[in-house]
Amino acid sequence: MKFKLGFRARRWLRLLWALAILVVIVGSLLPASSAPMKALGRFAINDKFEHFAAYLVLAFLPALHERRPALAATLLGAIAMGVALEFLQRLSPGRTFEVADMAADAIGVLSGLFLALPLRSWATPLHCK
């Protein structure tokens, strides 16, 4: 059974994606001593898993409905954003630069794409016929 994503569904997915981008940027650049970072630290979640999950979401949402050229740019942009934010973390107090974080980001992007692909064929956007 297939259903078609309408304009509203795509708009909500894009809005959710923009919010996820904002959360990742802010979360990546907050000082380690900030209240949100301390609260996140209480969950004792592995740092690499946090990177992986965040970038999985950043890739999964647009992979559900964007056309291939836009999707390719989005995925490459997410990986580039992960690299740039990792370098910018050097300027944030208590944060460290780690190549392994960049790898976790890229693996998250690829995983988000691969998780969305089966759903993408199931939820064909109206504009992709």
N, C-alpha and C. Protein backbone atom coordinates (compact mmCIF):
# COMPACT_ATOMS: atom_id res chain seq x y z
N MET A 1 0.84 -1.18 0.00
CA MET A 1 0.00 0.00 0.00
C MET A 1 0.89 1.24 0.00
N LYS A 2 0.64 2.14 -0.91
CA LYS A 2 1.38 3.39 -1.00
C LYS A 2 0.48 4.54 -0.64
N PHE A 3 1.08 5.58 -0.09
CA PHE A 3 0.35 6.81 0.09
C PHE A 3 1.23 7.95 -0.39
N LYS A 4 0.62 9.05 -0.68
CA LYS A 4 1.36 10.18 -1.22
C LYS A 4 1.50 11.26 -0.16
N LEU A 5 2.72 11.76 -0.03
CA LEU A 5 2.96 12.88 0.88
C LEU A 5 2.48 14.16 0.19
N GLY A 6 1.60 14.84 0.84
CA GLY A 6 1.12 16.09 0.30
C GLY A 6 2.01 17.26 0.69
N PHE A 7 1.63 18.43 0.23
CA PHE A 7 2.39 19.64 0.49
C PHE A 7 2.54 19.89 1.99
N ARG A 8 1.47 19.72 2.74
CA ARG A 8 1.52 19.97 4.19
C ARG A 8 2.47 19.02 4.90
N ALA A 9 2.43 17.76 4.54
CA ALA A 9 3.32 16.79 5.18
C ALA A 9 4.78 17.13 4.89
N ARG A 10 5.07 17.49 3.64
CA ARG A 10 6.44 17.87 3.29
C ARG A 10 6.85 19.13 4.03
N ARG A 11 5.93 20.07 4.16
CA ARG A 11 6.25 21.31 4.87
C ARG A 11 6.55 21.03 6.34
N TRP A 12 5.77 20.15 6.98
CA TRP A 12 6.02 19.79 8.38
C TRP A 12 7.34 19.06 8.54
N LEU A 13 7.65 18.17 7.60
CA LEU A 13 8.92 17.46 7.65
C LEU A 13 10.08 18.44 7.51
N ARG A 14 9.94 19.42 6.63
CA ARG A 14 11.00 20.43 6.46
C ARG A 14 11.13 21.30 7.70
N LEU A 15 10.02 21.65 8.32
CA LEU A 15 10.06 22.45 9.54
C LEU A 15 10.73 21.67 10.67
N LEU A 16 10.38 20.42 10.81
CA LEU A 16 10.99 19.56 11.82
C LEU A 16 12.49 19.40 11.56
N TRP A 17 12.85 19.28 10.28
CA TRP A 17 14.25 19.16 9.90
C TRP A 17 15.02 20.44 10.26
N ALA A 18 14.43 21.61 9.97
CA ALA A 18 15.08 22.89 10.31
C ALA A 18 15.27 23.01 11.83
N LEU A 19 14.28 22.57 12.58
CA LEU A 19 14.39 22.59 14.04
C LEU A 19 15.52 21.66 14.50
N ALA A 20 15.62 20.49 13.88
CA ALA A 20 16.68 19.54 14.22
C ALA A 20 18.06 20.14 13.92
N ILE A 21 18.18 20.84 12.80
CA ILE A 21 19.44 21.50 12.46
C ILE A 21 19.80 22.52 13.54
N LEU A 22 18.82 23.32 13.93
CA LEU A 22 19.05 24.34 14.96
C LEU A 22 19.50 23.70 16.28
N VAL A 23 18.85 22.63 16.67
CA VAL A 23 19.20 21.93 17.91
C VAL A 23 20.62 21.39 17.83
N VAL A 24 20.99 20.81 16.70
CA VAL A 24 22.35 20.26 16.55
C VAL A 24 23.39 21.38 16.59
N ILE A 25 23.13 22.49 15.92
CA ILE A 25 24.09 23.59 15.92
C ILE A 25 24.26 24.16 17.33
N VAL A 26 23.15 24.45 17.98
CA VAL A 26 23.22 25.02 19.33
C VAL A 26 23.87 24.02 20.28
N GLY A 27 23.44 22.77 20.22
CA GLY A 27 24.00 21.76 21.10
C GLY A 27 25.48 21.52 20.87
N SER A 28 25.92 21.69 19.65
CA SER A 28 27.33 21.49 19.33
C SER A 28 28.21 22.63 19.81
N LEU A 29 27.64 23.81 19.93
CA LEU A 29 28.45 24.98 20.26
C LEU A 29 28.29 25.50 21.68
N LEU A 30 27.35 24.94 22.43
CA LEU A 30 27.20 25.37 23.82
C LEU A 30 28.44 24.99 24.63
N PRO A 31 28.83 25.83 25.56
CA PRO A 31 29.95 25.46 26.44
C PRO A 31 29.61 24.21 27.25
N ALA A 32 30.61 23.43 27.59
CA ALA A 32 30.40 22.20 28.35
C ALA A 32 29.77 22.48 29.71
N SER A 33 29.98 23.68 30.24
CA SER A 33 29.45 24.02 31.57
C SER A 33 28.01 24.55 31.53
N SER A 34 27.40 24.65 30.34
CA SER A 34 26.04 25.18 30.24
C SER A 34 25.03 24.19 30.83
N ALA A 35 23.91 24.71 31.27
CA ALA A 35 22.87 23.87 31.89
C ALA A 35 22.38 22.76 30.96
N PRO A 36 22.10 23.05 29.67
CA PRO A 36 21.64 21.95 28.80
C PRO A 36 22.69 20.84 28.64
N MET A 37 23.96 21.22 28.55
CA MET A 37 25.00 20.20 28.38
C MET A 37 25.19 19.39 29.66
N LYS A 38 25.07 20.05 30.81
CA LYS A 38 25.15 19.31 32.07
C LYS A 38 23.97 18.34 32.21
N ALA A 39 22.78 18.80 31.81
CA ALA A 39 21.59 17.94 31.88
C ALA A 39 21.75 16.74 30.95
N LEU A 40 22.26 16.96 29.76
CA LEU A 40 22.48 15.86 28.82
C LEU A 40 23.51 14.89 29.38
N GLY A 41 24.52 15.42 30.04
CA GLY A 41 25.56 14.58 30.63
C GLY A 41 25.04 13.65 31.72
N ARG A 42 23.94 14.03 32.37
CA ARG A 42 23.36 13.19 33.41
C ARG A 42 22.80 11.87 32.88
N PHE A 43 22.49 11.85 31.59
CA PHE A 43 21.95 10.63 30.99
C PHE A 43 23.04 9.60 30.71
N ALA A 44 24.29 10.01 30.78
CA ALA A 44 25.43 9.12 30.56
C ALA A 44 25.33 8.37 29.23
N ILE A 45 24.97 9.11 28.18
CA ILE A 45 24.91 8.54 26.83
C ILE A 45 26.26 8.76 26.18
N ASN A 46 26.76 7.76 25.51
CA ASN A 46 28.04 7.86 24.83
C ASN A 46 28.02 9.02 23.85
N ASP A 47 29.08 9.81 23.87
CA ASP A 47 29.21 10.98 23.00
C ASP A 47 29.09 10.61 21.53
N LYS A 48 29.69 9.52 21.13
CA LYS A 48 29.63 9.12 19.71
C LYS A 48 28.22 8.72 19.32
N PHE A 49 27.49 8.09 20.25
CA PHE A 49 26.11 7.75 19.95
C PHE A 49 25.25 9.00 19.80
N GLU A 50 25.52 10.02 20.61
CA GLU A 50 24.79 11.29 20.47
C GLU A 50 25.02 11.90 19.09
N HIS A 51 26.28 11.90 18.65
CA HIS A 51 26.59 12.42 17.31
C HIS A 51 25.88 11.59 16.25
N PHE A 52 26.01 10.27 16.35
CA PHE A 52 25.38 9.37 15.39
C PHE A 52 23.88 9.61 15.30
N ALA A 53 23.20 9.67 16.44
CA ALA A 53 21.74 9.82 16.46
C ALA A 53 21.30 11.18 15.91
N ALA A 54 22.03 12.22 16.27
CA ALA A 54 21.66 13.56 15.79
C ALA A 54 21.75 13.64 14.27
N TYR A 55 22.81 13.11 13.71
CA TYR A 55 22.99 13.21 12.26
C TYR A 55 22.14 12.18 11.52
N LEU A 56 21.77 11.10 12.17
CA LEU A 56 20.81 10.17 11.59
C LEU A 56 19.49 10.90 11.35
N VAL A 57 19.04 11.66 12.34
CA VAL A 57 17.80 12.43 12.20
C VAL A 57 17.93 13.48 11.10
N LEU A 58 19.09 14.16 11.06
CA LEU A 58 19.29 15.19 10.03
C LEU A 58 19.24 14.62 8.62
N ALA A 59 19.60 13.37 8.44
CA ALA A 59 19.53 12.75 7.12
C ALA A 59 18.19 12.07 6.87
N PHE A 60 17.62 11.49 7.91
CA PHE A 60 16.38 10.72 7.76
C PHE A 60 15.22 11.59 7.29
N LEU A 61 15.04 12.75 7.91
CA LEU A 61 13.88 13.58 7.60
C LEU A 61 13.84 14.03 6.13
N PRO A 62 14.90 14.60 5.58
CA PRO A 62 14.80 14.98 4.17
C PRO A 62 14.82 13.77 3.22
N ALA A 63 15.43 12.67 3.65
CA ALA A 63 15.49 11.49 2.78
C ALA A 63 14.11 10.89 2.54
N LEU A 64 13.15 11.24 3.38
CA LEU A 64 11.80 10.72 3.20
C LEU A 64 11.09 11.32 1.99
N HIS A 65 11.46 12.56 1.61
CA HIS A 65 10.61 13.23 0.62
C HIS A 65 11.32 14.11 -0.39
N GLU A 66 12.56 14.45 -0.18
CA GLU A 66 13.22 15.38 -1.10
C GLU A 66 13.62 14.69 -2.39
N ARG A 67 13.65 15.46 -3.48
CA ARG A 67 14.11 14.92 -4.75
C ARG A 67 15.59 14.60 -4.65
N ARG A 68 16.06 13.74 -5.52
CA ARG A 68 17.44 13.25 -5.42
C ARG A 68 18.50 14.35 -5.45
N PRO A 69 18.45 15.33 -6.36
CA PRO A 69 19.51 16.36 -6.34
C PRO A 69 19.52 17.14 -5.02
N ALA A 70 18.35 17.51 -4.54
CA ALA A 70 18.26 18.23 -3.27
C ALA A 70 18.69 17.34 -2.12
N LEU A 71 18.34 16.09 -2.18
CA LEU A 71 18.72 15.15 -1.12
C LEU A 71 20.23 14.97 -1.07
N ALA A 72 20.85 14.83 -2.22
CA ALA A 72 22.31 14.67 -2.25
C ALA A 72 22.99 15.90 -1.65
N ALA A 73 22.52 17.08 -2.00
CA ALA A 73 23.09 18.31 -1.44
C ALA A 73 22.85 18.38 0.06
N THR A 74 21.68 17.96 0.49
CA THR A 74 21.34 17.97 1.91
C THR A 74 22.25 17.04 2.70
N LEU A 75 22.47 15.85 2.19
CA LEU A 75 23.31 14.88 2.90
C LEU A 75 24.77 15.33 2.94
N LEU A 76 25.27 15.84 1.82
CA LEU A 76 26.64 16.36 1.82
C LEU A 76 26.75 17.58 2.74
N GLY A 77 25.71 18.40 2.76
CA GLY A 77 25.69 19.56 3.65
C GLY A 77 25.70 19.15 5.11
N ALA A 78 24.99 18.09 5.44
CA ALA A 78 24.97 17.62 6.83
C ALA A 78 26.36 17.13 7.26
N ILE A 79 27.03 16.42 6.37
CA ILE A 79 28.37 15.95 6.69
C ILE A 79 29.32 17.15 6.84
N ALA A 80 29.22 18.11 5.92
CA ALA A 80 30.06 19.31 6.00
C ALA A 80 29.77 20.10 7.27
N MET A 81 28.50 20.16 7.66
CA MET A 81 28.13 20.86 8.89
C MET A 81 28.76 20.18 10.10
N GLY A 82 28.76 18.86 10.11
CA GLY A 82 29.39 18.12 11.21
C GLY A 82 30.87 18.42 11.33
N VAL A 83 31.55 18.48 10.19
CA VAL A 83 32.98 18.79 10.19
C VAL A 83 33.19 20.22 10.68
N ALA A 84 32.43 21.16 10.13
CA ALA A 84 32.59 22.58 10.51
C ALA A 84 32.31 22.78 12.00
N LEU A 85 31.23 22.16 12.50
CA LEU A 85 30.91 22.32 13.92
C LEU A 85 31.98 21.73 14.82
N GLU A 86 32.59 20.65 14.36
CA GLU A 86 33.65 20.04 15.17
C GLU A 86 34.84 21.00 15.28
N PHE A 87 35.17 21.67 14.20
CA PHE A 87 36.25 22.67 14.26
C PHE A 87 35.84 23.86 15.12
N LEU A 88 34.58 24.28 15.03
CA LEU A 88 34.11 25.42 15.82
C LEU A 88 34.05 25.11 17.31
N GLN A 89 33.93 23.84 17.66
CA GLN A 89 33.89 23.47 19.07
C GLN A 89 35.19 23.84 19.79
N ARG A 90 36.25 24.00 19.04
CA ARG A 90 37.53 24.41 19.65
C ARG A 90 37.40 25.78 20.31
N LEU A 91 36.43 26.58 19.84
CA LEU A 91 36.23 27.93 20.37
C LEU A 91 35.26 27.96 21.55
N SER A 92 34.63 26.84 21.83
CA SER A 92 33.64 26.76 22.90
C SER A 92 34.29 26.19 24.16
N PRO A 93 34.18 26.90 25.28
CA PRO A 93 34.84 26.44 26.52
C PRO A 93 34.43 25.03 26.94
N GLY A 94 35.43 24.22 27.22
CA GLY A 94 35.19 22.87 27.71
C GLY A 94 34.86 21.86 26.63
N ARG A 95 34.81 22.28 25.37
CA ARG A 95 34.51 21.36 24.27
C ARG A 95 35.80 20.99 23.57
N THR A 96 35.83 19.81 22.97
CA THR A 96 37.03 19.32 22.32
C THR A 96 36.77 18.94 20.87
N PHE A 97 37.79 19.01 20.09
CA PHE A 97 37.77 18.61 18.69
C PHE A 97 38.12 17.13 18.61
N GLU A 98 37.29 16.34 17.93
CA GLU A 98 37.58 14.91 17.76
C GLU A 98 37.21 14.45 16.36
N VAL A 99 38.15 13.86 15.68
CA VAL A 99 37.89 13.31 14.36
C VAL A 99 36.85 12.19 14.45
N ALA A 100 36.87 11.44 15.54
CA ALA A 100 35.90 10.35 15.73
C ALA A 100 34.47 10.88 15.77
N ASP A 101 34.27 12.11 16.25
CA ASP A 101 32.93 12.70 16.23
C ASP A 101 32.48 12.95 14.79
N MET A 102 33.41 13.39 13.95
CA MET A 102 33.09 13.61 12.54
C MET A 102 32.71 12.29 11.87
N ALA A 103 33.41 11.24 12.22
CA ALA A 103 33.09 9.91 11.67
C ALA A 103 31.71 9.46 12.13
N ALA A 104 31.39 9.68 13.41
CA ALA A 104 30.07 9.32 13.93
C ALA A 104 28.98 10.11 13.22
N ASP A 105 29.26 11.39 12.93
CA ASP A 105 28.30 12.22 12.20
C ASP A 105 28.04 11.64 10.80
N ALA A 106 29.11 11.33 10.09
CA ALA A 106 28.98 10.80 8.73
C ALA A 106 28.28 9.45 8.71
N ILE A 107 28.60 8.59 9.66
CA ILE A 107 27.93 7.28 9.74
C ILE A 107 26.45 7.48 10.06
N GLY A 108 26.13 8.46 10.89
CA GLY A 108 24.74 8.78 11.19
C GLY A 108 23.99 9.24 9.95
N VAL A 109 24.64 10.08 9.13
CA VAL A 109 24.01 10.56 7.89
C VAL A 109 23.71 9.39 6.97
N LEU A 110 24.67 8.52 6.77
CA LEU A 110 24.46 7.36 5.90
C LEU A 110 23.39 6.43 6.45
N SER A 111 23.37 6.24 7.75
CA SER A 111 22.36 5.38 8.37
C SER A 111 20.97 5.98 8.22
N GLY A 112 20.87 7.29 8.40
CA GLY A 112 19.57 7.96 8.23
C GLY A 112 19.04 7.79 6.82
N LEU A 113 19.94 7.90 5.84
CA LEU A 113 19.54 7.70 4.45
C LEU A 113 19.05 6.27 4.24
N PHE A 114 19.83 5.30 4.70
CA PHE A 114 19.46 3.90 4.47
C PHE A 114 18.20 3.49 5.22
N LEU A 115 17.95 4.10 6.37
CA LEU A 115 16.70 3.81 7.09
C LEU A 115 15.50 4.41 6.38
N ALA A 116 15.70 5.54 5.72
CA ALA A 116 14.58 6.22 5.06
C ALA A 116 14.26 5.62 3.69
N LEU A 117 15.22 5.00 3.05
CA LEU A 117 14.99 4.51 1.68
C LEU A 117 13.78 3.59 1.55
N PRO A 118 13.59 2.58 2.42
CA PRO A 118 12.38 1.75 2.27
C PRO A 118 11.10 2.55 2.48
N LEU A 119 11.13 3.50 3.39
CA LEU A 119 9.95 4.33 3.63
C LEU A 119 9.73 5.29 2.48
N ARG A 120 10.79 5.72 1.85
CA ARG A 120 10.69 6.64 0.72
C ARG A 120 9.92 6.01 -0.42
N SER A 121 10.18 4.74 -0.70
CA SER A 121 9.46 4.07 -1.78
C SER A 121 8.00 3.82 -1.40
N TRP A 122 7.75 3.78 -0.10
CA TRP A 122 6.38 3.56 0.37
C TRP A 122 5.59 4.87 0.38
N ALA A 123 6.26 5.96 0.70
CA ALA A 123 5.60 7.26 0.81
C ALA A 123 6.07 8.17 -0.32
N THR A 124 5.61 7.90 -1.51
CA THR A 124 6.02 8.65 -2.68
C THR A 124 5.44 10.06 -2.65
N PRO A 125 6.30 11.09 -2.71
CA PRO A 125 5.77 12.46 -2.76
C PRO A 125 4.97 12.69 -4.03
N LEU A 126 4.00 13.56 -3.96
CA LEU A 126 3.16 13.88 -5.10
C LEU A 126 3.98 14.42 -6.28
N HIS A 127 5.06 15.13 -6.00
CA HIS A 127 5.83 15.77 -7.06
C HIS A 127 6.88 14.86 -7.69
N CYS A 128 6.99 13.63 -7.26
CA CYS A 128 8.06 12.76 -7.76
C CYS A 128 7.55 11.68 -8.71
N LYS A 129 6.56 11.91 -9.46
CA LYS A 129 6.06 10.92 -10.41
C LYS A 129 6.73 11.01 -11.74
